[in-house]
Protein backbone atom coordinates (compact mmCIF):
# COMPACT_ATOMS: atom_id res chain seq x y z
CA MET A 1 -38.21 -2.61 -29.58
CA LYS A 2 -36.07 0.79 -29.08
CA SER A 3 -35.75 0.78 -25.71
CA LYS A 4 -34.58 -2.55 -25.21
CA LEU A 5 -32.01 -1.83 -27.84
CA LEU A 6 -30.59 0.68 -25.81
CA ILE A 7 -30.74 -0.90 -22.53
CA ILE A 8 -28.80 -4.00 -24.30
CA LEU A 9 -26.04 -1.31 -25.69
CA LEU A 10 -25.88 0.92 -22.40
CA SER A 11 -25.30 -2.32 -20.50
CA LEU A 12 -22.22 -2.98 -22.85
CA PHE A 13 -20.55 0.00 -21.79
CA TYR A 14 -21.73 0.59 -18.72
CA LEU A 15 -20.71 -2.64 -17.05
CA PRO A 16 -17.48 -3.08 -18.10
CA ALA A 17 -16.63 0.42 -16.90
CA ILE A 18 -18.34 -0.59 -13.53
CA SER A 19 -16.03 -3.76 -13.07
CA GLN A 20 -12.82 -2.12 -14.36
CA ILE A 21 -13.44 0.41 -11.75
CA THR A 22 -14.04 -1.85 -9.07
CA LYS A 23 -10.91 -4.12 -10.19
CA HIS A 24 -8.84 -0.54 -10.15
CA ASN A 25 -10.17 0.35 -6.54
CA ASP A 26 -9.60 -3.11 -5.35
CA CYS A 27 -5.45 -2.24 -5.48
CA LYS A 28 -5.45 0.44 -3.68
CA LEU A 29 -4.84 1.45 -0.18
CA TYR A 30 -6.86 3.66 1.61
CA PHE A 31 -4.88 4.85 5.04
CA ALA A 32 -5.34 8.57 5.15
CA GLU A 33 -6.89 8.55 8.18
CA ILE A 34 -3.93 7.85 9.94
CA GLY A 35 -1.02 10.02 8.07
CA VAL A 36 -0.05 7.60 5.58
CA LYS A 37 0.27 8.44 1.79
CA ASP A 38 -2.21 6.94 -0.45
CA PHE A 39 0.02 6.18 -3.50
CA ASN A 40 -1.64 4.47 -6.70
CA LEU A 41 0.21 1.27 -8.27
CA GLY A 42 0.81 1.95 -11.56
CA SER A 43 1.76 5.50 -11.28
CA SER A 44 5.03 6.59 -12.93
CA TYR A 45 8.24 7.45 -11.22
CA LYS A 46 8.11 11.02 -12.83
CA SER A 47 4.59 11.62 -11.12
CA PHE A 48 6.90 10.61 -7.52
CA ILE A 49 9.37 13.22 -8.72
CA ASN A 50 6.96 16.19 -9.31
CA GLU A 51 5.28 15.60 -6.23
CA SER A 52 8.59 15.05 -4.27
CA LYS A 53 9.89 18.70 -5.70
CA LYS A 54 6.69 20.53 -5.03
CA LYS A 55 6.71 18.69 -1.24
CA LYS A 56 10.04 19.40 -1.03
CA ARG A 57 10.43 15.61 -0.17
CA LYS A 58 13.87 13.96 0.20
CA PHE A 59 14.49 10.64 -0.65
CA ASN A 60 16.76 8.05 -1.39
CA LYS A 61 17.27 6.14 -4.79
CA GLU A 62 18.87 2.40 -5.41
CA SER A 63 18.55 -0.05 -8.32
CA VAL A 64 19.18 -3.51 -7.55
CA TYR A 65 18.02 -6.02 -10.41
CA GLY A 66 15.83 -3.83 -11.93
CA ILE A 67 13.85 -2.57 -9.31
CA ASP A 68 14.29 1.28 -8.35
CA ILE A 69 13.22 1.04 -4.66
CA VAL A 70 12.54 4.44 -3.02
CA THR A 71 12.99 5.11 0.70
CA PHE A 72 12.06 7.90 2.82
CA THR A 73 10.39 9.67 6.12
CA LYS A 74 7.66 11.80 6.77
CA SER A 75 6.48 13.07 10.46
CA ILE A 76 2.65 12.91 11.39
CA ILE A 77 0.80 13.00 14.35
CA LEU A 78 -1.28 10.06 14.61
CA LEU A 79 -3.19 9.52 17.93
CA LYS A 80 -2.06 12.38 19.42
CA GLU A 81 1.72 11.55 19.13
CA LYS A 82 4.21 12.42 16.67
CA LYS A 83 5.51 9.71 14.54
CA THR A 84 7.57 8.41 11.73
CA VAL A 85 6.51 6.91 8.91
CA GLN A 86 8.45 4.85 6.93
CA TYR A 87 8.08 4.51 3.07
CA ASN A 88 9.50 1.71 0.81
CA LEU A 89 8.56 2.39 -2.90
CA LYS A 90 9.43 0.03 -5.65
CA PHE A 91 9.60 1.20 -9.40
CA HIS A 92 10.01 -1.32 -12.32
CA SER A 93 10.58 0.34 -15.77
CA ASP A 94 9.41 3.83 -14.28
CA VAL A 95 5.90 2.36 -12.80
CA LEU A 96 5.10 1.91 -9.01
CA MET A 97 4.60 -1.30 -8.83
CA ASP A 98 4.87 -2.19 -5.07
CA TYR A 99 4.70 0.16 -1.82
CA SER A 100 5.07 -0.35 1.91
CA PHE A 101 5.12 1.86 5.16
CA ARG A 102 6.07 0.89 8.43
CA ILE A 103 4.93 3.32 11.70
CA GLU A 104 6.26 2.64 15.21
CA ALA A 105 4.06 1.15 17.58
CA GLY A 106 5.75 0.91 21.17
CA ASN A 107 6.99 -2.02 22.87
CA PHE A 108 5.50 -5.21 24.23
CA ARG A 109 3.05 -3.43 26.58
CA VAL A 110 1.88 -0.97 24.48
CA ALA A 111 1.78 -1.44 20.87
CA PRO A 112 -1.31 -3.40 20.80
CA TYR A 113 -3.33 -0.66 22.28
CA TYR A 114 -2.07 1.72 19.83
CA TYR A 115 -2.51 -0.61 17.00
CA GLN A 116 -6.46 -1.46 17.98
CA LYS A 117 -6.94 2.29 18.44
CA VAL A 118 -5.38 2.35 14.76
CA LEU A 119 -8.15 -0.16 13.65
CA LYS A 120 -10.85 1.68 14.81
CA LEU A 121 -9.37 5.24 13.24
CA LEU A 122 -9.37 3.00 9.64
CA GLU A 123 -12.93 0.97 10.18
CA LYS A 124 -14.21 4.62 9.58
CA ASN A 125 -13.61 5.16 6.03
CA ASN A 126 -14.82 1.22 5.65
CA LYS A 127 -12.79 1.45 2.45
CA ASN A 128 -10.13 -1.57 3.61
CA SER A 129 -12.73 -4.30 3.67
CA PHE A 130 -9.49 -6.86 4.02
CA ILE A 131 -9.05 -5.28 7.45
CA ASN A 132 -11.11 -7.47 10.11
CA LYS A 133 -12.07 -6.80 13.88
CA GLY A 134 -9.27 -8.62 15.93
CA GLY A 135 -6.18 -10.29 15.49
CA TYR A 136 -2.97 -8.49 14.23
CA SER A 137 -2.29 -9.37 10.42
CA PHE A 138 -4.62 -9.69 7.75
CA MET A 139 -3.55 -9.62 3.88
CA LYS A 140 -6.01 -9.92 0.82
CA THR A 141 -4.65 -11.21 -2.74
CA THR A 142 -6.36 -11.32 -5.65
CA LYS A 143 -5.67 -11.61 -9.41
CA GLU A 144 -3.86 -8.52 -10.10
CA CYS A 145 -2.88 -7.23 -6.40
CA GLN A 146 -1.95 -8.13 -2.57
CA LYS A 147 -2.69 -5.84 0.69
CA LYS A 148 -1.12 -6.52 3.72
CA PHE A 149 -1.64 -4.53 7.07
CA ASN A 150 0.04 -5.84 10.97
CA LEU A 151 1.55 -5.00 13.92
CA GLU A 152 5.47 -6.49 13.77
CA GLN A 153 7.92 -7.37 15.79
CA GLU A 154 11.63 -6.51 15.53
CA GLU A 155 14.21 -6.98 17.24
CA GLY A 156 11.94 -5.99 20.45
CA GLN A 157 10.16 -3.21 18.86
CA TYR A 158 6.77 -3.31 17.88
CA TYR A 159 5.82 -1.58 13.64
CA ILE A 160 2.09 -0.92 12.37
CA SER A 161 2.88 -2.18 8.62
CA GLY A 162 1.15 -2.35 5.42
CA GLY A 163 1.33 -2.09 2.15
CA ILE A 164 0.36 -3.18 -1.52
CA GLY A 165 1.75 -4.60 -4.89
CA TYR A 166 1.01 -6.30 -7.94
CA VAL A 167 0.96 -9.64 -8.30
CA SER A 168 3.07 -10.80 -10.87
CA PRO A 169 5.49 -14.11 -12.20
CA ILE A 170 8.31 -11.40 -13.86
CA TRP A 171 7.43 -8.73 -10.67
CA GLU A 172 7.68 -11.64 -8.34
CA GLN A 173 10.76 -13.15 -9.63
CA GLN A 174 13.18 -10.14 -9.46
CA PHE A 175 11.66 -9.44 -6.23
CA LYS A 176 12.92 -12.83 -4.62
CA ASP A 177 16.55 -12.57 -6.27
CA TYR A 178 16.32 -9.00 -4.52
CA MET A 179 15.39 -10.41 -1.38
CA LYS A 180 17.26 -13.67 -1.43
CA ASP A 181 20.86 -11.33 -2.63
CA THR A 182 20.40 -8.52 0.14
CA GLY A 183 19.41 -11.36 2.73
CA GLN A 184 16.05 -10.53 3.63
CA GLU A 185 14.60 -14.02 2.45
CA ARG A 186 12.12 -15.68 5.06
């Protein structure tokens, strides 16, 4: 009888904890294999500032509609080529709500092949399960967040891009207003 009670008590504590870990990991990206910094949604602006001071990272900050937009670049070596990663972080009430990155992939001839090589690197960690073989655009939306990874074109140039953001009606409305007023609404 004591063993059954012990099992019941343990399951009451461990199952929710495992569920929380799974939920937490579901709102993370894992792109370290390609040289992209993996930020944690929900982290504070203060921790970003402290990390930036340690790494002597220079960034720009702009506040629009209650959203603090932080942008910066970092040089990396990806597939034996020097690349620049452009980061865009969005904080609301000093909490990281969304971040995205973008890496130049080349012109229409080389970009698809380069993208496929990057996908092979990402397959090694097996943590970004929303990215499947084949295709050029991937997205996963849960109750908590939305992840994306794709090859996009802008003015004849191709970019590998990705990001993650919380799903929230308040956050979404502020973001829509921002996109509309800055002319980025699609």
